[in-house]
Amino acid sequence: MIDTDHYVNRSDMSTSLDLTADMVNEAREKLVLHWNYRGLSEIPEAVRHVGAQVQEIYLKWNELKSLPIWLADFASVTNLYLYGNKIERLPDTLGLMTKLTVLDLSANRLEELPDCLGSLEALRSLLLNQNYIASLPTSMSKLRNLEYLCLSGNQLVVLPEWLGSLPNLAELFADNNNLREIPNRLTLSTSLDTLSVCSNKLSHLPLNGFASSPQIRFDSNSRLNYLSLPVFCQLVSKLRQSPSQGNTIAYGCFGSTSNTTLRSANVNIQLSLVPESNPSEHSKSIVIELPRQLLVVHGFCDNGVVSLWELSLRKVYSTRFRHTLDICLDPMDPSSVLVQRQVIERWKTAEYYTKLLTHCDFISNGPTSVCMRNSCDEPIFTEAWIAFGIGRNALFVPTIVIFCSHRCAVEFVKSSSFTENYDMYVIQS
């Protein structure tokens, strides 16, 4: 009688030995290792000391649940592809692979990222999509060479503000998460070229114009029901530069404006707006949620002055930065939008007051917006005046305009064509 179990085990062992021998030979001879689709549940330790020259390792679609702590012995590796495994944790020794420029950890089972990722200073592309990640470690703010970051298909509710300080970040993908807002500091990035945040829970985009004027994709954010005028104009300019994209700003947005009550666990200001021409027409009311940085909001007809706290923030910021917004104020012909932010030589008093006044990183994250009155350029942090309207052009995009004072709001409404091209709304009393 044949012992079939013993036969199968010996056969599997023989196959495993053959596979290990093949992998050792490849690691000894090649610069690029193609180990995709091999059914590997672990990387044989036999290859550990024979791959010092290897530069790229492809381990896609295997059965790996973890990585060996000795993987860093492959000291010359620049590209590591681990797509489609079952990896749950990353070893701290991964941070020793300091020559890595591309790291693909997509389609795994990661819930947390180790701090050691911040040690990969040469990293240019990091792919983390289709995992279970809820937050990013602060250590990743050290990735000064990072150009491409993909976070789509995770469980992120917020993105860290420091993403806007990565000097070379050009492409950021964070589709299919639970994002409720976009970091305000991203508007200050001069390198950002593409920002994709489709299929999230956004109720607003940043109010400030983007310094780099990136391509922004935000389809299927059903709660998003308005844009700021600078961002709207930048998006229209992009559409005109790429006619093949059609004449649509975003699909699945701006559909929840009428008679809407937003459901939010945040403490953000929610405004109920009614048509200026008929304030009693409640059936056409609109509810919008403003960025959490804004703590006090006035209608453009409301007279008043800003608080000392707001004035202090503006003063401190203006002593360190010159933030300007140059925009065509005719929303029917937004030909260009230019946002610039230049560092001014720091004064000792400014340094002191920055440390004293900075709360929730207001200064480092940048202003919520810049006043839209022509040539004003006053930064706005926690208190603002707004004008709101729905465009009469083909796009019908609900649009908000931000001002630093009652005077600027009134002068803008009188001198610009905004009221001619938009059906105006006012804050419901």
Protein backbone atom coordinates (compact mmCIF):
# COMPACT_ATOMS: atom_id res chain seq x y z
CA MET A 1 0.00 0.00 0.00
CA ILE A 2 1.40 3.38 -1.03
CA ASP A 3 1.66 6.13 1.58
CA THR A 4 0.19 8.90 -0.60
CA ASP A 5 0.55 11.60 2.07
CA HIS A 6 4.23 10.87 2.40
CA TYR A 7 4.56 10.83 -1.39
CA VAL A 8 2.87 14.22 -1.74
CA ASN A 9 4.99 15.74 1.03
CA ARG A 10 8.21 14.52 -0.56
CA SER A 11 7.03 15.84 -3.91
CA ASP A 12 6.24 19.26 -2.41
CA MET A 13 9.58 19.32 -0.65
CA SER A 14 11.38 18.51 -3.88
CA THR A 15 9.52 21.27 -5.70
CA SER A 16 10.31 23.72 -2.92
CA LEU A 17 14.01 22.84 -3.02
CA ASP A 18 14.09 23.24 -6.78
CA LEU A 19 12.39 26.64 -6.50
CA THR A 20 14.83 27.76 -3.81
CA ALA A 21 17.80 26.63 -5.91
CA ASP A 22 16.44 28.54 -8.91
CA MET A 23 15.94 31.68 -6.82
CA VAL A 24 19.48 31.44 -5.41
CA ASN A 25 20.92 31.15 -8.91
CA GLU A 26 18.88 34.11 -10.12
CA ALA A 27 19.86 36.26 -7.13
CA ARG A 28 23.51 35.40 -7.71
CA GLU A 29 23.50 36.23 -11.43
CA LYS A 30 20.89 38.92 -12.14
CA LEU A 31 20.31 42.60 -11.44
CA VAL A 32 16.53 42.30 -11.78
CA LEU A 33 14.64 39.49 -10.06
CA HIS A 34 11.25 38.54 -11.52
CA TRP A 35 9.63 36.48 -8.76
CA ASN A 36 5.99 37.29 -9.55
CA TYR A 37 3.26 34.60 -9.44
CA ARG A 38 5.41 31.96 -7.74
CA GLY A 39 3.08 31.15 -4.88
CA LEU A 40 5.69 32.24 -2.35
CA SER A 41 4.55 32.32 1.27
CA GLU A 42 8.03 33.41 2.35
CA ILE A 43 11.31 34.47 0.77
CA PRO A 44 13.87 31.69 1.26
CA GLU A 45 16.72 32.78 3.50
CA ALA A 46 19.13 30.97 1.17
CA VAL A 47 19.05 34.02 -1.14
CA ARG A 48 20.07 36.38 1.68
CA HIS A 49 23.82 36.53 1.04
CA VAL A 50 23.95 36.17 -2.74
CA GLY A 51 22.03 39.24 -3.97
CA ALA A 52 24.22 42.18 -3.04
CA GLN A 53 24.17 43.41 -6.65
CA VAL A 54 20.38 43.10 -7.19
CA GLN A 55 18.69 46.42 -8.06
CA GLU A 56 15.05 45.50 -8.66
CA ILE A 57 12.84 42.83 -7.07
CA TYR A 58 9.38 41.91 -8.37
CA LEU A 59 7.32 39.88 -5.90
CA LYS A 60 3.82 40.63 -7.15
CA TRP A 61 0.90 38.27 -6.62
CA ASN A 62 2.44 35.88 -4.15
CA GLU A 63 1.24 34.71 -0.72
CA LEU A 64 3.59 36.74 1.46
CA LYS A 65 2.19 37.70 4.87
CA SER A 66 5.36 39.41 6.06
CA LEU A 67 8.82 40.43 4.92
CA PRO A 68 12.01 38.99 6.41
CA ILE A 69 13.99 41.34 8.65
CA TRP A 70 17.09 40.52 6.58
CA LEU A 71 15.60 41.90 3.36
CA ALA A 72 17.72 45.02 3.93
CA ASP A 73 20.78 42.87 3.12
CA PHE A 74 19.80 43.47 -0.51
CA ALA A 75 21.55 46.79 -0.06
CA SER A 76 21.57 47.84 -3.74
CA VAL A 77 17.81 47.49 -4.36
CA THR A 78 16.20 50.63 -5.77
CA ASN A 79 12.82 49.20 -6.85
CA LEU A 80 10.74 46.83 -4.72
CA TYR A 81 7.34 45.66 -5.97
CA LEU A 82 5.08 43.75 -3.54
CA TYR A 83 1.67 44.29 -5.14
CA GLY A 84 -1.04 41.73 -4.43
CA ASN A 85 0.27 39.87 -1.40
CA LYS A 86 -1.16 39.43 2.10
CA ILE A 87 1.34 41.53 4.03
CA GLU A 88 -0.03 42.74 7.37
CA ARG A 89 3.06 44.34 8.93
CA LEU A 90 6.33 45.80 7.71
CA PRO A 91 9.62 45.19 9.53
CA ASP A 92 11.46 48.18 10.97
CA THR A 93 14.54 47.05 9.02
CA LEU A 94 12.80 48.14 5.83
CA GLY A 95 14.07 51.62 6.71
CA LEU A 96 17.63 50.39 6.11
CA MET A 97 16.95 50.02 2.37
CA THR A 98 18.06 53.61 1.84
CA LYS A 99 18.58 53.28 -1.92
CA LEU A 100 14.90 52.56 -2.57
CA THR A 101 13.36 54.96 -5.07
CA VAL A 102 10.19 52.93 -5.81
CA LEU A 103 8.21 50.98 -3.20
CA ASP A 104 4.94 49.32 -4.21
CA LEU A 105 2.91 47.88 -1.30
CA SER A 106 -0.47 48.06 -3.01
CA ALA A 107 -3.21 45.46 -2.55
CA ASN A 108 -2.00 44.07 0.75
CA ARG A 109 -3.48 43.98 4.25
CA LEU A 110 -1.63 46.83 5.92
CA GLU A 111 -3.46 48.68 8.68
CA GLU A 112 -0.51 50.68 10.01
CA LEU A 113 2.72 52.01 8.55
CA PRO A 114 5.95 51.93 10.55
CA ASP A 115 7.96 55.05 11.34
CA CYS A 116 10.91 53.54 9.47
CA LEU A 117 9.37 54.66 6.15
CA GLY A 118 10.66 58.13 6.97
CA SER A 119 14.22 56.82 6.63
CA LEU A 120 13.77 56.07 2.92
CA GLU A 121 15.07 59.48 1.93
CA ALA A 122 15.74 58.50 -1.70
CA LEU A 123 12.14 57.36 -2.23
CA ARG A 124 10.40 58.95 -5.22
CA SER A 125 7.34 56.74 -5.69
CA LEU A 126 5.31 55.17 -2.87
CA LEU A 127 2.23 53.10 -3.72
CA LEU A 128 -0.01 52.15 -0.81
CA ASN A 129 -3.40 51.83 -2.49
CA GLN A 130 -5.89 49.07 -1.62
CA ASN A 131 -4.90 48.50 1.98
CA TYR A 132 -6.63 49.33 5.29
CA ILE A 133 -4.54 52.33 6.29
CA ALA A 134 -6.26 54.93 8.49
CA SER A 135 -3.37 57.35 9.05
CA LEU A 136 0.13 58.22 7.86
CA PRO A 137 3.10 58.37 10.27
CA THR A 138 4.59 61.81 10.82
CA SER A 139 8.01 60.38 9.94
CA MET A 140 6.94 60.34 6.28
CA SER A 141 7.25 64.13 6.31
CA LYS A 142 11.00 63.49 5.90
CA LEU A 143 10.52 62.07 2.39
CA ARG A 144 11.88 65.17 0.71
CA ASN A 145 12.38 63.44 -2.68
CA LEU A 146 8.92 61.89 -2.87
CA GLU A 147 7.24 62.74 -6.18
CA TYR A 148 4.39 60.21 -6.49
CA LEU A 149 2.15 59.08 -3.62
CA CYS A 150 -0.85 56.79 -4.13
CA LEU A 151 -3.17 56.26 -1.15
CA SER A 152 -6.37 55.25 -2.96
CA GLY A 153 -8.65 52.60 -1.56
CA ASN A 154 -7.79 52.93 2.13
CA GLN A 155 -9.64 54.16 5.22
CA LEU A 156 -8.24 57.67 5.52
CA VAL A 157 -10.51 60.31 7.03
CA VAL A 158 -7.96 63.14 6.90
CA LEU A 159 -4.68 63.74 5.14
CA PRO A 160 -1.86 65.34 7.15
CA GLU A 161 -1.05 68.98 6.51
CA TRP A 162 2.66 68.19 6.07
CA LEU A 163 1.92 66.68 2.65
CA GLY A 164 1.85 70.27 1.40
CA SER A 165 5.43 70.76 2.63
CA LEU A 166 6.97 67.90 0.66
CA PRO A 167 9.08 69.93 -1.79
CA ASN A 168 8.90 67.54 -4.75
CA LEU A 169 5.46 65.97 -4.41
CA ALA A 170 3.92 66.22 -7.90
CA GLU A 171 1.16 63.58 -7.91
CA LEU A 172 -1.13 62.69 -5.02
CA PHE A 173 -3.89 60.11 -5.41
CA ALA A 174 -6.31 59.53 -2.52
CA ASP A 175 -9.47 58.27 -4.24
CA ASN A 176 -11.95 55.93 -2.53
CA ASN A 177 -11.25 56.87 1.07
CA ASN A 178 -13.39 58.61 3.70
CA LEU A 179 -11.80 62.05 3.36
CA ARG A 180 -13.82 64.97 4.68
CA GLU A 181 -11.36 67.69 3.74
CA ILE A 182 -8.14 68.40 1.87
CA PRO A 183 -5.12 69.83 3.72
CA ASN A 184 -5.05 73.59 3.38
CA ARG A 185 -1.25 73.51 3.14
CA LEU A 186 -1.52 71.72 -0.21
CA THR A 187 -2.61 75.07 -1.66
CA LEU A 188 0.90 76.39 -0.87
CA SER A 189 2.75 73.59 -2.68
CA THR A 190 4.66 74.79 -5.74
CA SER A 191 5.34 71.29 -7.09
CA LEU A 192 1.87 69.69 -7.00
CA ASP A 193 0.71 68.87 -10.53
CA THR A 194 -2.08 66.33 -9.97
CA LEU A 195 -4.46 65.90 -7.05
CA SER A 196 -7.10 63.16 -7.25
CA VAL A 197 -9.66 62.76 -4.43
CA CYS A 198 -12.60 61.11 -6.19
CA SER A 199 -15.20 59.05 -4.29
CA ASN A 200 -14.69 60.50 -0.83
CA LYS A 201 -16.92 62.41 1.61
CA LEU A 202 -15.72 65.93 0.86
CA SER A 203 -18.09 68.77 1.62
CA HIS A 204 -15.66 71.42 0.39
CA LEU A 205 -12.34 71.94 -1.35
CA PRO A 206 -9.84 74.48 0.00
CA LEU A 207 -11.04 78.06 -0.43
CA ASN A 208 -7.60 79.39 -1.30
CA GLY A 209 -6.25 79.24 -4.83
CA PHE A 210 -3.52 76.64 -5.45
CA ALA A 211 -0.03 78.08 -6.00
CA SER A 212 0.83 75.35 -8.53
CA SER A 213 -2.58 75.35 -10.28
CA PRO A 214 -2.75 71.53 -10.32
CA GLN A 215 -5.13 69.27 -12.17
CA ILE A 216 -7.75 68.43 -9.52
CA ARG A 217 -10.10 65.46 -9.87
CA PHE A 218 -12.90 65.15 -7.34
CA ASP A 219 -15.73 63.22 -9.03
CA SER A 220 -18.30 61.39 -6.90
CA ASN A 221 -18.15 63.55 -3.79
CA SER A 222 -21.91 63.82 -3.37
CA ARG A 223 -21.70 66.13 -0.35
CA LEU A 224 -19.56 68.70 -2.16
CA ASN A 225 -21.86 71.51 -3.27
CA TYR A 226 -19.71 74.56 -3.98
CA LEU A 227 -16.27 75.81 -5.04
CA SER A 228 -14.39 78.98 -4.18
CA LEU A 229 -14.03 81.44 -7.04
CA PRO A 230 -10.21 81.07 -7.33
CA VAL A 231 -10.38 77.26 -7.44
CA PHE A 232 -13.31 77.35 -9.88
CA CYS A 233 -11.40 79.66 -12.22
CA GLN A 234 -8.30 77.48 -12.03
CA LEU A 235 -10.36 74.40 -12.92
CA VAL A 236 -12.01 76.15 -15.86
CA SER A 237 -8.59 77.26 -17.10
CA LYS A 238 -7.46 73.62 -16.98
CA LEU A 239 -10.52 72.55 -18.96
CA ARG A 240 -9.72 75.08 -21.65
CA GLN A 241 -6.15 73.83 -21.85
CA SER A 242 -7.41 70.23 -22.28
CA PRO A 243 -10.61 70.35 -24.39
CA SER A 244 -10.65 66.54 -24.60
CA GLN A 245 -11.82 66.42 -20.97
CA GLY A 246 -15.13 67.92 -21.98
CA ASN A 247 -17.00 70.76 -20.30
CA THR A 248 -17.65 69.18 -16.90
CA ILE A 249 -15.89 70.22 -13.71
CA ALA A 250 -16.85 67.05 -11.80
CA TYR A 251 -19.33 64.21 -12.00
CA GLY A 252 -21.46 63.38 -8.98
CA CYS A 253 -20.98 66.74 -7.22
CA PHE A 254 -23.10 69.87 -6.75
CA GLY A 255 -26.25 67.77 -6.65
CA SER A 256 -27.17 68.25 -3.00
CA THR A 257 -27.53 72.02 -2.84
CA SER A 258 -31.28 72.45 -2.51
CA ASN A 259 -32.91 72.15 0.90
CA THR A 260 -30.00 70.10 2.19
CA THR A 261 -29.17 69.32 5.79
CA LEU A 262 -25.60 68.14 6.06
CA ARG A 263 -24.86 65.27 8.39
CA SER A 264 -21.49 65.91 9.92
CA ALA A 265 -19.79 64.96 13.14
CA ASN A 266 -17.53 67.98 12.73
CA VAL A 267 -17.97 71.34 14.37
CA ASN A 268 -17.59 73.17 11.06
CA ILE A 269 -19.84 76.16 10.41
CA GLN A 270 -22.87 75.23 8.33
CA LEU A 271 -24.65 78.10 6.59
CA SER A 272 -28.20 78.13 5.31
CA LEU A 273 -28.44 80.39 2.25
CA VAL A 274 -31.55 81.68 0.48
CA PRO A 275 -31.99 83.54 -2.86
CA GLU A 276 -31.27 87.23 -2.45
CA SER A 277 -34.18 88.10 -4.74
CA ASN A 278 -36.67 86.20 -2.56
CA PRO A 279 -35.35 85.36 0.93
CA SER A 280 -38.68 83.77 1.91
CA GLU A 281 -38.39 81.11 -0.81
CA HIS A 282 -37.17 78.34 1.51
CA SER A 283 -37.68 75.62 -1.09
CA LYS A 284 -34.60 76.94 -2.88
CA SER A 285 -32.44 77.23 0.23
CA ILE A 286 -28.89 75.86 0.21
CA VAL A 287 -26.86 74.50 3.10
CA ILE A 288 -23.07 74.63 2.81
CA GLU A 289 -20.32 73.49 5.18
CA LEU A 290 -17.25 75.70 5.50
CA PRO A 291 -13.64 74.65 6.25
CA ARG A 292 -12.94 74.12 9.93
CA GLN A 293 -10.41 77.00 9.94
CA LEU A 294 -13.27 79.51 9.66
CA LEU A 295 -14.77 80.27 13.05
CA VAL A 296 -16.80 83.41 12.26
CA VAL A 297 -18.58 84.18 8.97
CA HIS A 298 -20.46 87.30 7.87
CA GLY A 299 -22.69 87.98 4.88
CA PHE A 300 -21.37 90.56 2.41
CA CYS A 301 -24.01 93.03 3.62
CA ASP A 302 -23.07 92.69 7.30
CA ASN A 303 -21.13 95.58 8.77
CA GLY A 304 -18.55 94.99 11.47
CA VAL A 305 -14.85 94.55 12.25
CA VAL A 306 -12.65 91.49 12.72
CA SER A 307 -11.46 90.32 16.10
CA LEU A 308 -8.03 91.11 17.57
CA TRP A 309 -7.16 87.41 17.26
CA GLU A 310 -7.79 87.49 13.51
CA LEU A 311 -5.91 90.78 13.11
CA SER A 312 -2.94 89.29 14.99
CA LEU A 313 -2.83 86.23 12.75
CA ARG A 314 -2.94 88.41 9.64
CA LYS A 315 -0.20 90.68 10.97
CA VAL A 316 2.15 87.82 11.88
CA TYR A 317 1.61 86.08 8.56
CA SER A 318 2.15 89.29 6.58
CA THR A 319 5.49 89.91 8.30
CA ARG A 320 6.74 86.51 7.09
CA PHE A 321 5.06 86.02 3.71
CA ARG A 322 3.80 88.02 0.78
CA HIS A 323 0.79 86.04 -0.44
CA THR A 324 -0.86 87.40 -3.58
CA LEU A 325 -3.79 86.32 -5.74
CA ASP A 326 -4.07 87.63 -9.29
CA ILE A 327 -7.31 86.53 -10.89
CA CYS A 328 -9.53 87.61 -13.74
CA LEU A 329 -12.63 88.80 -11.90
CA ASP A 330 -14.96 88.04 -14.80
CA PRO A 331 -16.15 84.50 -13.98
CA MET A 332 -17.46 84.14 -17.54
CA ASP A 333 -13.90 84.48 -18.86
CA PRO A 334 -11.45 83.23 -16.24
CA SER A 335 -8.34 83.42 -18.40
CA SER A 336 -5.74 82.97 -15.66
CA VAL A 337 -5.25 82.64 -11.94
CA LEU A 338 -1.86 83.31 -10.41
CA VAL A 339 -1.16 82.54 -6.76
CA GLN A 340 2.23 83.48 -5.33
CA ARG A 341 3.70 83.13 -1.87
CA GLN A 342 7.11 84.61 -1.17
CA VAL A 343 9.06 84.41 2.07
CA ILE A 344 9.93 87.77 3.58
CA GLU A 345 13.05 88.13 5.72
CA ARG A 346 11.97 87.14 9.19
CA TRP A 347 11.96 89.67 11.98
CA LYS A 348 12.74 88.59 15.51
CA THR A 349 9.43 90.01 16.64
CA ALA A 350 7.64 87.97 13.99
CA GLU A 351 9.39 84.82 15.17
CA TYR A 352 8.34 85.54 18.71
CA TYR A 353 4.72 86.27 17.89
CA THR A 354 4.53 83.28 15.58
CA LYS A 355 5.34 80.96 18.47
CA LEU A 356 2.94 82.88 20.68
CA LEU A 357 -0.01 83.01 18.29
CA THR A 358 0.20 79.87 16.21
CA HIS A 359 -2.73 77.65 17.13
CA CYS A 360 -3.49 74.50 15.13
CA ASP A 361 -0.60 75.57 12.90
CA PHE A 362 -2.60 78.43 11.39
CA ILE A 363 0.55 80.21 10.20
CA SER A 364 2.44 77.22 8.79
CA ASN A 365 -0.67 75.78 7.11
CA GLY A 366 -1.33 79.07 5.37
CA PRO A 367 -4.41 81.29 5.29
CA THR A 368 -7.86 79.89 4.69
CA SER A 369 -8.01 82.24 1.74
CA VAL A 370 -6.79 85.57 0.43
CA CYS A 371 -9.21 88.49 0.05
CA MET A 372 -10.80 88.51 -3.39
CA ARG A 373 -11.10 92.27 -3.75
CA ASN A 374 -8.75 93.39 -6.49
CA SER A 375 -5.25 94.23 -5.15
CA CYS A 376 -6.18 93.68 -1.50
CA ASP A 377 -4.44 90.31 -0.90
CA GLU A 378 -5.14 90.41 2.84
CA PRO A 379 -4.75 86.90 4.30
CA ILE A 380 -7.83 85.43 5.97
CA PHE A 381 -7.63 82.85 8.74
CA THR A 382 -10.60 82.44 11.09
CA GLU A 383 -13.01 85.25 10.19
CA ALA A 384 -14.38 86.29 6.81
CA TRP A 385 -17.15 87.88 4.79
CA ILE A 386 -18.65 85.84 1.97
CA ALA A 387 -20.65 86.26 -1.21
CA PHE A 388 -22.34 83.21 -2.70
CA GLY A 389 -24.00 82.55 -6.03
CA ILE A 390 -24.90 79.90 -8.58
CA GLY A 391 -23.49 80.55 -12.03
CA ARG A 392 -25.80 81.29 -14.92
CA ASN A 393 -23.24 79.90 -17.37
CA ALA A 394 -23.28 76.38 -18.76
CA LEU A 395 -21.55 74.93 -15.70
CA PHE A 396 -24.04 76.15 -13.05
CA VAL A 397 -21.41 75.72 -10.34
CA PRO A 398 -22.29 77.11 -6.88
CA THR A 399 -19.44 79.49 -6.04
CA ILE A 400 -18.25 81.23 -2.88
CA VAL A 401 -16.13 84.39 -2.73
CA ILE A 402 -14.15 85.28 0.41
CA PHE A 403 -13.30 88.78 1.72
CA CYS A 404 -11.28 90.12 4.63
CA SER A 405 -13.73 92.89 5.57
CA HIS A 406 -17.16 94.37 4.97
CA ARG A 407 -15.62 97.16 2.92
CA CYS A 408 -13.86 94.75 0.54
CA ALA A 409 -17.03 92.69 0.17
CA VAL A 410 -19.14 95.71 -0.76
CA GLU A 411 -16.56 97.10 -3.19
CA PHE A 412 -16.20 93.72 -4.91
CA VAL A 413 -19.94 93.28 -5.34
CA LYS A 414 -20.25 96.80 -6.75
CA SER A 415 -17.28 96.73 -9.12
CA SER A 416 -17.11 93.14 -10.43
CA SER A 417 -19.36 91.26 -12.83
CA PHE A 418 -19.98 88.50 -10.29
CA THR A 419 -23.52 89.64 -9.48
CA GLU A 420 -24.33 89.87 -13.21
CA ASN A 421 -23.28 86.30 -13.93
CA TYR A 422 -24.48 84.58 -10.75
CA ASP A 423 -27.82 84.24 -8.98
CA MET A 424 -26.92 85.62 -5.57
CA TYR A 425 -27.75 84.01 -2.21
CA VAL A 426 -27.64 85.52 1.27
CA ILE A 427 -27.27 84.00 4.73
CA GLN A 428 -30.65 83.09 6.16
CA SER A 429 -31.33 85.08 9.33
